[in-house]
Amino acid sequence: RYPKVSLLTLMGLLLIFVADFLFGVIFIWA
């Protein structure tokens, strides 16, 4: 129904999800 909106939203959500996990690991082992 909304391909452009969905793409941008999914990109933002994926970035937040991956960054939460990745930076959690980095800040523990750094």
PDB file of all heavy atoms in Angstrom:
ATOM      1  N   ARG A   1       0.821  -1.210   0.000  1.00  0.00           N
ATOM      2  CA  ARG A   1       0.000   0.000   0.000  1.00  0.00           C
ATOM      3  C   ARG A   1       0.863   1.271   0.000  1.00  0.00           C
ATOM      4  O   ARG A   1       0.521   2.249  -0.651  1.00  0.00           O
ATOM      5  CB  ARG A   1      -0.912  -0.017   1.218  1.00  0.00           C
ATOM      6  CG  ARG A   1      -1.970   1.029   1.175  1.00  0.00           C
ATOM      7  CD  ARG A   1      -2.980   0.772   2.248  1.00  0.00           C
ATOM      8  NE  ARG A   1      -4.029   1.762   2.177  1.00  0.00           N
ATOM      9  CZ  ARG A   1      -5.002   1.872   3.035  1.00  0.00           C
ATOM     10  NH1 ARG A   1      -5.084   1.018   4.033  1.00  0.00           N
ATOM     11  NH2 ARG A   1      -5.913   2.800   2.913  1.00  0.00           N
ATOM     12  N   TYR A   2       1.956   1.263   0.753  1.00  0.00           N
ATOM     13  CA  TYR A   2       2.840   2.431   0.879  1.00  0.00           C
ATOM     14  C   TYR A   2       4.300   2.000   0.733  1.00  0.00           C
ATOM     15  O   TYR A   2       5.044   1.971   1.712  1.00  0.00           O
ATOM     16  CB  TYR A   2       2.650   3.111   2.238  1.00  0.00           C
ATOM     17  CG  TYR A   2       1.248   3.542   2.527  1.00  0.00           C
ATOM     18  CD1 TYR A   2       0.457   2.833   3.423  1.00  0.00           C
ATOM     19  CD2 TYR A   2       0.706   4.662   1.908  1.00  0.00           C
ATOM     20  CE1 TYR A   2      -0.830   3.225   3.701  1.00  0.00           C
ATOM     21  CE2 TYR A   2      -0.590   5.063   2.174  1.00  0.00           C
ATOM     22  CZ  TYR A   2      -1.356   4.344   3.070  1.00  0.00           C
ATOM     23  OH  TYR A   2      -2.633   4.738   3.343  1.00  0.00           O
ATOM     24  N   PRO A   3       4.763   1.682  -0.467  1.00  0.00           N
ATOM     25  CA  PRO A   3       6.121   1.135  -0.615  1.00  0.00           C
ATOM     26  C   PRO A   3       7.238   2.106  -0.225  1.00  0.00           C
ATOM     27  O   PRO A   3       8.198   1.696   0.431  1.00  0.00           O
ATOM     28  CB  PRO A   3       6.208   0.756  -2.094  1.00  0.00           C
ATOM     29  CG  PRO A   3       5.109   1.485  -2.771  1.00  0.00           C
ATOM     30  CD  PRO A   3       4.057   1.735  -1.744  1.00  0.00           C
ATOM     31  N   LYS A   4       7.149   3.379  -0.589  1.00  0.00           N
ATOM     32  CA  LYS A   4       8.215   4.329  -0.251  1.00  0.00           C
ATOM     33  C   LYS A   4       8.275   4.581   1.251  1.00  0.00           C
ATOM     34  O   LYS A   4       9.350   4.591   1.854  1.00  0.00           O
ATOM     35  CB  LYS A   4       8.016   5.651  -0.984  1.00  0.00           C
ATOM     36  CG  LYS A   4       8.260   5.574  -2.466  1.00  0.00           C
ATOM     37  CD  LYS A   4       8.042   6.918  -3.111  1.00  0.00           C
ATOM     38  CE  LYS A   4       8.168   6.830  -4.612  1.00  0.00           C
ATOM     39  NZ  LYS A   4       7.903   8.120  -5.259  1.00  0.00           N
ATOM     40  N   VAL A   5       7.119   4.789   1.844  1.00  0.00           N
ATOM     41  CA  VAL A   5       7.052   5.021   3.289  1.00  0.00           C
ATOM     42  C   VAL A   5       7.555   3.785   4.031  1.00  0.00           C
ATOM     43  O   VAL A   5       8.329   3.891   4.992  1.00  0.00           O
ATOM     44  CB  VAL A   5       5.609   5.367   3.713  1.00  0.00           C
ATOM     45  CG1 VAL A   5       5.480   5.427   5.215  1.00  0.00           C
ATOM     46  CG2 VAL A   5       5.166   6.668   3.074  1.00  0.00           C
ATOM     47  N   SER A   6       7.142   2.620   3.579  1.00  0.00           N
ATOM     48  CA  SER A   6       7.559   1.382   4.230  1.00  0.00           C
ATOM     49  C   SER A   6       9.063   1.177   4.133  1.00  0.00           C
ATOM     50  O   SER A   6       9.702   0.749   5.094  1.00  0.00           O
ATOM     51  CB  SER A   6       6.836   0.187   3.607  1.00  0.00           C
ATOM     52  OG  SER A   6       5.455   0.291   3.822  1.00  0.00           O
ATOM     53  N   LEU A   7       9.637   1.483   2.981  1.00  0.00           N
ATOM     54  CA  LEU A   7      11.082   1.317   2.814  1.00  0.00           C
ATOM     55  C   LEU A   7      11.859   2.223   3.760  1.00  0.00           C
ATOM     56  O   LEU A   7      12.775   1.772   4.448  1.00  0.00           O
ATOM     57  CB  LEU A   7      11.485   1.605   1.361  1.00  0.00           C
ATOM     58  CG  LEU A   7      12.984   1.534   1.065  1.00  0.00           C
ATOM     59  CD1 LEU A   7      13.506   0.127   1.302  1.00  0.00           C
ATOM     60  CD2 LEU A   7      13.276   2.003  -0.346  1.00  0.00           C
ATOM     61  N   LEU A   8      11.490   3.493   3.810  1.00  0.00           N
ATOM     62  CA  LEU A   8      12.181   4.424   4.697  1.00  0.00           C
ATOM     63  C   LEU A   8      12.008   4.037   6.170  1.00  0.00           C
ATOM     64  O   LEU A   8      12.951   4.082   6.962  1.00  0.00           O
ATOM     65  CB  LEU A   8      11.679   5.850   4.471  1.00  0.00           C
ATOM     66  CG  LEU A   8      12.121   6.517   3.176  1.00  0.00           C
ATOM     67  CD1 LEU A   8      11.376   7.831   2.984  1.00  0.00           C
ATOM     68  CD2 LEU A   8      13.618   6.746   3.182  1.00  0.00           C
ATOM     69  N   THR A   9      10.798   3.641   6.530  1.00  0.00           N
ATOM     70  CA  THR A   9      10.535   3.246   7.911  1.00  0.00           C
ATOM     71  C   THR A   9      11.323   1.996   8.282  1.00  0.00           C
ATOM     72  O   THR A   9      11.941   1.932   9.350  1.00  0.00           O
ATOM     73  CB  THR A   9       9.029   2.998   8.125  1.00  0.00           C
ATOM     74  OG1 THR A   9       8.307   4.160   7.729  1.00  0.00           O
ATOM     75  CG2 THR A   9       8.724   2.662   9.566  1.00  0.00           C
ATOM     76  N   LEU A  10      11.327   1.017   7.387  1.00  0.00           N
ATOM     77  CA  LEU A  10      12.066  -0.213   7.660  1.00  0.00           C
ATOM     78  C   LEU A  10      13.566   0.051   7.768  1.00  0.00           C
ATOM     79  O   LEU A  10      14.240  -0.521   8.636  1.00  0.00           O
ATOM     80  CB  LEU A  10      11.770  -1.248   6.575  1.00  0.00           C
ATOM     81  CG  LEU A  10      12.235  -2.665   6.859  1.00  0.00           C
ATOM     82  CD1 LEU A  10      11.588  -3.205   8.126  1.00  0.00           C
ATOM     83  CD2 LEU A  10      11.919  -3.568   5.680  1.00  0.00           C
ATOM     84  N   MET A  11      14.091   0.925   6.921  1.00  0.00           N
ATOM     85  CA  MET A  11      15.515   1.268   7.003  1.00  0.00           C
ATOM     86  C   MET A  11      15.848   1.904   8.358  1.00  0.00           C
ATOM     87  O   MET A  11      16.845   1.551   8.987  1.00  0.00           O
ATOM     88  CB  MET A  11      15.899   2.198   5.853  1.00  0.00           C
ATOM     89  CG  MET A  11      15.951   1.507   4.514  1.00  0.00           C
ATOM     90  SD  MET A  11      16.153   2.618   3.102  1.00  0.00           S
ATOM     91  CE  MET A  11      17.658   3.452   3.493  1.00  0.00           C
ATOM     92  N   GLY A  12      15.018   2.836   8.801  1.00  0.00           N
ATOM     93  CA  GLY A  12      15.235   3.474  10.090  1.00  0.00           C
ATOM     94  C   GLY A  12      15.139   2.488  11.247  1.00  0.00           C
ATOM     95  O   GLY A  12      15.980   2.491  12.147  1.00  0.00           O
ATOM     96  N   LEU A  13      14.126   1.631  11.218  1.00  0.00           N
ATOM     97  CA  LEU A  13      13.951   0.657  12.292  1.00  0.00           C
ATOM     98  C   LEU A  13      15.076  -0.370  12.331  1.00  0.00           C
ATOM     99  O   LEU A  13      15.563  -0.734  13.407  1.00  0.00           O
ATOM    100  CB  LEU A  13      12.594  -0.041  12.154  1.00  0.00           C
ATOM    101  CG  LEU A  13      11.366   0.831  12.418  1.00  0.00           C
ATOM    102  CD1 LEU A  13      10.090   0.073  12.024  1.00  0.00           C
ATOM    103  CD2 LEU A  13      11.314   1.256  13.870  1.00  0.00           C
ATOM    104  N   LEU A  14      15.492  -0.837  11.163  1.00  0.00           N
ATOM    105  CA  LEU A  14      16.607  -1.787  11.108  1.00  0.00           C
ATOM    106  C   LEU A  14      17.893  -1.155  11.629  1.00  0.00           C
ATOM    107  O   LEU A  14      18.667  -1.799  12.348  1.00  0.00           O
ATOM    108  CB  LEU A  14      16.814  -2.299   9.685  1.00  0.00           C
ATOM    109  CG  LEU A  14      15.856  -3.379   9.223  1.00  0.00           C
ATOM    110  CD1 LEU A  14      16.029  -3.655   7.726  1.00  0.00           C
ATOM    111  CD2 LEU A  14      16.078  -4.656  10.005  1.00  0.00           C
ATOM    112  N   LEU A  15      18.115   0.091  11.266  1.00  0.00           N
ATOM    113  CA  LEU A  15      19.311   0.784  11.735  1.00  0.00           C
ATOM    114  C   LEU A  15      19.302   0.917  13.262  1.00  0.00           C
ATOM    115  O   LEU A  15      20.319   0.673  13.923  1.00  0.00           O
ATOM    116  CB  LEU A  15      19.415   2.154  11.065  1.00  0.00           C
ATOM    117  CG  LEU A  15      20.730   2.894  11.193  1.00  0.00           C
ATOM    118  CD1 LEU A  15      21.892   2.060  10.704  1.00  0.00           C
ATOM    119  CD2 LEU A  15      20.659   4.190  10.408  1.00  0.00           C
ATOM    120  N   ILE A  16      18.163   1.260  13.827  1.00  0.00           N
ATOM    121  CA  ILE A  16      18.056   1.360  15.284  1.00  0.00           C
ATOM    122  C   ILE A  16      18.277  -0.003  15.941  1.00  0.00           C
ATOM    123  O   ILE A  16      19.012  -0.125  16.923  1.00  0.00           O
ATOM    124  CB  ILE A  16      16.686   1.943  15.699  1.00  0.00           C
ATOM    125  CG1 ILE A  16      16.596   3.407  15.288  1.00  0.00           C
ATOM    126  CG2 ILE A  16      16.457   1.794  17.207  1.00  0.00           C
ATOM    127  CD1 ILE A  16      15.213   3.992  15.444  1.00  0.00           C
ATOM    128  N   PHE A  17      17.667  -1.040  15.380  1.00  0.00           N
ATOM    129  CA  PHE A  17      17.777  -2.385  15.941  1.00  0.00           C
ATOM    130  C   PHE A  17      19.227  -2.869  15.927  1.00  0.00           C
ATOM    131  O   PHE A  17      19.749  -3.330  16.949  1.00  0.00           O
ATOM    132  CB  PHE A  17      16.879  -3.352  15.144  1.00  0.00           C
ATOM    133  CG  PHE A  17      16.786  -4.718  15.738  1.00  0.00           C
ATOM    134  CD1 PHE A  17      15.874  -4.980  16.737  1.00  0.00           C
ATOM    135  CD2 PHE A  17      17.602  -5.747  15.287  1.00  0.00           C
ATOM    136  CE1 PHE A  17      15.779  -6.251  17.299  1.00  0.00           C
ATOM    137  CE2 PHE A  17      17.518  -7.002  15.842  1.00  0.00           C
ATOM    138  CZ  PHE A  17      16.603  -7.263  16.840  1.00  0.00           C
ATOM    139  N   VAL A  18      19.886  -2.752  14.783  1.00  0.00           N
ATOM    140  CA  VAL A  18      21.278  -3.207  14.660  1.00  0.00           C
ATOM    141  C   VAL A  18      22.205  -2.357  15.526  1.00  0.00           C
ATOM    142  O   VAL A  18      23.099  -2.882  16.193  1.00  0.00           O
ATOM    143  CB  VAL A  18      21.721  -3.196  13.180  1.00  0.00           C
ATOM    144  CG1 VAL A  18      23.210  -3.440  13.038  1.00  0.00           C
ATOM    145  CG2 VAL A  18      20.936  -4.238  12.389  1.00  0.00           C
ATOM    146  N   ALA A  19      21.983  -1.052  15.530  1.00  0.00           N
ATOM    147  CA  ALA A  19      22.844  -0.158  16.315  1.00  0.00           C
ATOM    148  C   ALA A  19      22.706  -0.430  17.809  1.00  0.00           C
ATOM    149  O   ALA A  19      23.703  -0.413  18.533  1.00  0.00           O
ATOM    150  CB  ALA A  19      22.522   1.300  16.004  1.00  0.00           C
ATOM    151  N   ASP A  20      21.491  -0.689  18.286  1.00  0.00           N
ATOM    152  CA  ASP A  20      21.300  -1.017  19.703  1.00  0.00           C
ATOM    153  C   ASP A  20      22.149  -2.212  20.100  1.00  0.00           C
ATOM    154  O   ASP A  20      22.852  -2.185  21.101  1.00  0.00           O
ATOM    155  CB  ASP A  20      19.830  -1.329  19.985  1.00  0.00           C
ATOM    156  CG  ASP A  20      19.068  -0.151  20.511  1.00  0.00           C
ATOM    157  OD1 ASP A  20      19.689   0.883  20.815  1.00  0.00           O
ATOM    158  OD2 ASP A  20      17.836  -0.268  20.634  1.00  0.00           O
ATOM    159  N   PHE A  21      22.079  -3.254  19.299  1.00  0.00           N
ATOM    160  CA  PHE A  21      22.837  -4.468  19.606  1.00  0.00           C
ATOM    161  C   PHE A  21      24.338  -4.236  19.429  1.00  0.00           C
ATOM    162  O   PHE A  21      25.138  -4.554  20.316  1.00  0.00           O
ATOM    163  CB  PHE A  21      22.368  -5.615  18.708  1.00  0.00           C
ATOM    164  CG  PHE A  21      23.073  -6.902  19.002  1.00  0.00           C
ATOM    165  CD1 PHE A  21      22.702  -7.675  20.092  1.00  0.00           C
ATOM    166  CD2 PHE A  21      24.110  -7.341  18.213  1.00  0.00           C
ATOM    167  CE1 PHE A  21      23.351  -8.863  20.381  1.00  0.00           C
ATOM    168  CE2 PHE A  21      24.774  -8.522  18.496  1.00  0.00           C
ATOM    169  CZ  PHE A  21      24.388  -9.286  19.576  1.00  0.00           C
ATOM    170  N   LEU A  22      24.732  -3.660  18.302  1.00  0.00           N
ATOM    171  CA  LEU A  22      26.152  -3.479  17.982  1.00  0.00           C
ATOM    172  C   LEU A  22      26.857  -2.574  18.989  1.00  0.00           C
ATOM    173  O   LEU A  22      27.929  -2.913  19.501  1.00  0.00           O
ATOM    174  CB  LEU A  22      26.299  -2.915  16.571  1.00  0.00           C
ATOM    175  CG  LEU A  22      27.721  -2.735  16.066  1.00  0.00           C
ATOM    176  CD1 LEU A  22      28.401  -4.079  15.893  1.00  0.00           C
ATOM    177  CD2 LEU A  22      27.711  -1.990  14.749  1.00  0.00           C
ATOM    178  N   PHE A  23      26.280  -1.433  19.291  1.00  0.00           N
ATOM    179  CA  PHE A  23      26.930  -0.527  20.225  1.00  0.00           C
ATOM    180  C   PHE A  23      26.880  -1.056  21.651  1.00  0.00           C
ATOM    181  O   PHE A  23      27.756  -0.750  22.461  1.00  0.00           O
ATOM    182  CB  PHE A  23      26.362   0.891  20.117  1.00  0.00           C
ATOM    183  CG  PHE A  23      26.839   1.591  18.881  1.00  0.00           C
ATOM    184  CD1 PHE A  23      25.979   1.850  17.830  1.00  0.00           C
ATOM    185  CD2 PHE A  23      28.164   1.973  18.757  1.00  0.00           C
ATOM    186  CE1 PHE A  23      26.422   2.483  16.687  1.00  0.00           C
ATOM    187  CE2 PHE A  23      28.617   2.612  17.616  1.00  0.00           C
ATOM    188  CZ  PHE A  23      27.752   2.869  16.580  1.00  0.00           C
ATOM    189  N   GLY A  24      25.880  -1.874  21.971  1.00  0.00           N
ATOM    190  CA  GLY A  24      25.884  -2.544  23.263  1.00  0.00           C
ATOM    191  C   GLY A  24      27.097  -3.447  23.408  1.00  0.00           C
ATOM    192  O   GLY A  24      27.776  -3.457  24.439  1.00  0.00           O
ATOM    193  N   VAL A  25      27.401  -4.195  22.359  1.00  0.00           N
ATOM    194  CA  VAL A  25      28.576  -5.072  22.361  1.00  0.00           C
ATOM    195  C   VAL A  25      29.860  -4.252  22.404  1.00  0.00           C
ATOM    196  O   VAL A  25      30.776  -4.539  23.187  1.00  0.00           O
ATOM    197  CB  VAL A  25      28.559  -5.990  21.111  1.00  0.00           C
ATOM    198  CG1 VAL A  25      29.873  -6.739  20.972  1.00  0.00           C
ATOM    199  CG2 VAL A  25      27.395  -6.960  21.174  1.00  0.00           C
ATOM    200  N   ILE A  26      29.937  -3.222  21.589  1.00  0.00           N
ATOM    201  CA  ILE A  26      31.158  -2.410  21.524  1.00  0.00           C
ATOM    202  C   ILE A  26      31.452  -1.759  22.870  1.00  0.00           C
ATOM    203  O   ILE A  26      32.592  -1.794  23.343  1.00  0.00           O
ATOM    204  CB  ILE A  26      31.041  -1.344  20.415  1.00  0.00           C
ATOM    205  CG1 ILE A  26      31.100  -2.011  19.045  1.00  0.00           C
ATOM    206  CG2 ILE A  26      32.148  -0.303  20.545  1.00  0.00           C
ATOM    207  CD1 ILE A  26      30.790  -1.079  17.888  1.00  0.00           C
ATOM    208  N   PHE A  27      30.453  -1.183  23.505  1.00  0.00           N
ATOM    209  CA  PHE A  27      30.681  -0.488  24.763  1.00  0.00           C
ATOM    210  C   PHE A  27      31.006  -1.451  25.915  1.00  0.00           C
ATOM    211  O   PHE A  27      31.595  -1.044  26.913  1.00  0.00           O
ATOM    212  CB  PHE A  27      29.501   0.407  25.135  1.00  0.00           C
ATOM    213  CG  PHE A  27      29.514   1.719  24.409  1.00  0.00           C
ATOM    214  CD1 PHE A  27      28.591   1.994  23.414  1.00  0.00           C
ATOM    215  CD2 PHE A  27      30.459   2.688  24.709  1.00  0.00           C
ATOM    216  CE1 PHE A  27      28.607   3.209  22.735  1.00  0.00           C
ATOM    217  CE2 PHE A  27      30.491   3.900  24.047  1.00  0.00           C
ATOM    218  CZ  PHE A  27      29.562   4.160  23.060  1.00  0.00           C
ATOM    219  N   ILE A  28      30.643  -2.730  25.789  1.00  0.00           N
ATOM    220  CA  ILE A  28      30.997  -3.704  26.823  1.00  0.00           C
ATOM    221  C   ILE A  28      32.442  -4.179  26.646  1.00  0.00           C
ATOM    222  O   ILE A  28      33.185  -4.317  27.604  1.00  0.00           O
ATOM    223  CB  ILE A  28      30.014  -4.893  26.807  1.00  0.00           C
ATOM    224  CG1 ILE A  28      28.671  -4.443  27.373  1.00  0.00           C
ATOM    225  CG2 ILE A  28      30.560  -6.074  27.608  1.00  0.00           C
ATOM    226  CD1 ILE A  28      27.578  -5.468  27.254  1.00  0.00           C
ATOM    227  N   TRP A  29      32.861  -4.415  25.385  1.00  0.00           N
ATOM    228  CA  TRP A  29      34.198  -4.951  25.165  1.00  0.00           C
ATOM    229  C   TRP A  29      35.270  -3.884  24.974  1.00  0.00           C
ATOM    230  O   TRP A  29      36.456  -4.173  25.118  1.00  0.00           O
ATOM    231  CB  TRP A  29      34.191  -5.920  23.980  1.00  0.00           C
ATOM    232  CG  TRP A  29      34.007  -7.330  24.429  1.00  0.00           C
ATOM    233  CD1 TRP A  29      34.980  -8.160  24.883  1.00  0.00           C
ATOM    234  CD2 TRP A  29      32.800  -8.082  24.483  1.00  0.00           C
ATOM    235  NE1 TRP A  29      34.443  -9.370  25.219  1.00  0.00           N
ATOM    236  CE2 TRP A  29      33.104  -9.361  24.982  1.00  0.00           C
ATOM    237  CE3 TRP A  29      31.478  -7.793  24.163  1.00  0.00           C
ATOM    238  CZ2 TRP A  29      32.159 -10.349  25.167  1.00  0.00           C
ATOM    239  CZ3 TRP A  29      30.541  -8.777  24.337  1.00  0.00           C
ATOM    240  CH2 TRP A  29      30.865 -10.035  24.837  1.00  0.00           C
ATOM    241  N   ALA A  30      34.911  -2.663  24.680  1.00  0.00           N
ATOM    242  CA  ALA A  30      35.913  -1.613  24.445  1.00  0.00           C
ATOM    243  C   ALA A  30      36.830  -1.350  25.636  1.00  0.00           C
ATOM    244  O   ALA A  30      38.040  -1.190  25.434  1.00  0.00           O
ATOM    245  CB  ALA A  30      35.226  -0.323  23.996  1.00  0.00           C
TER     246      ALA A  30
END
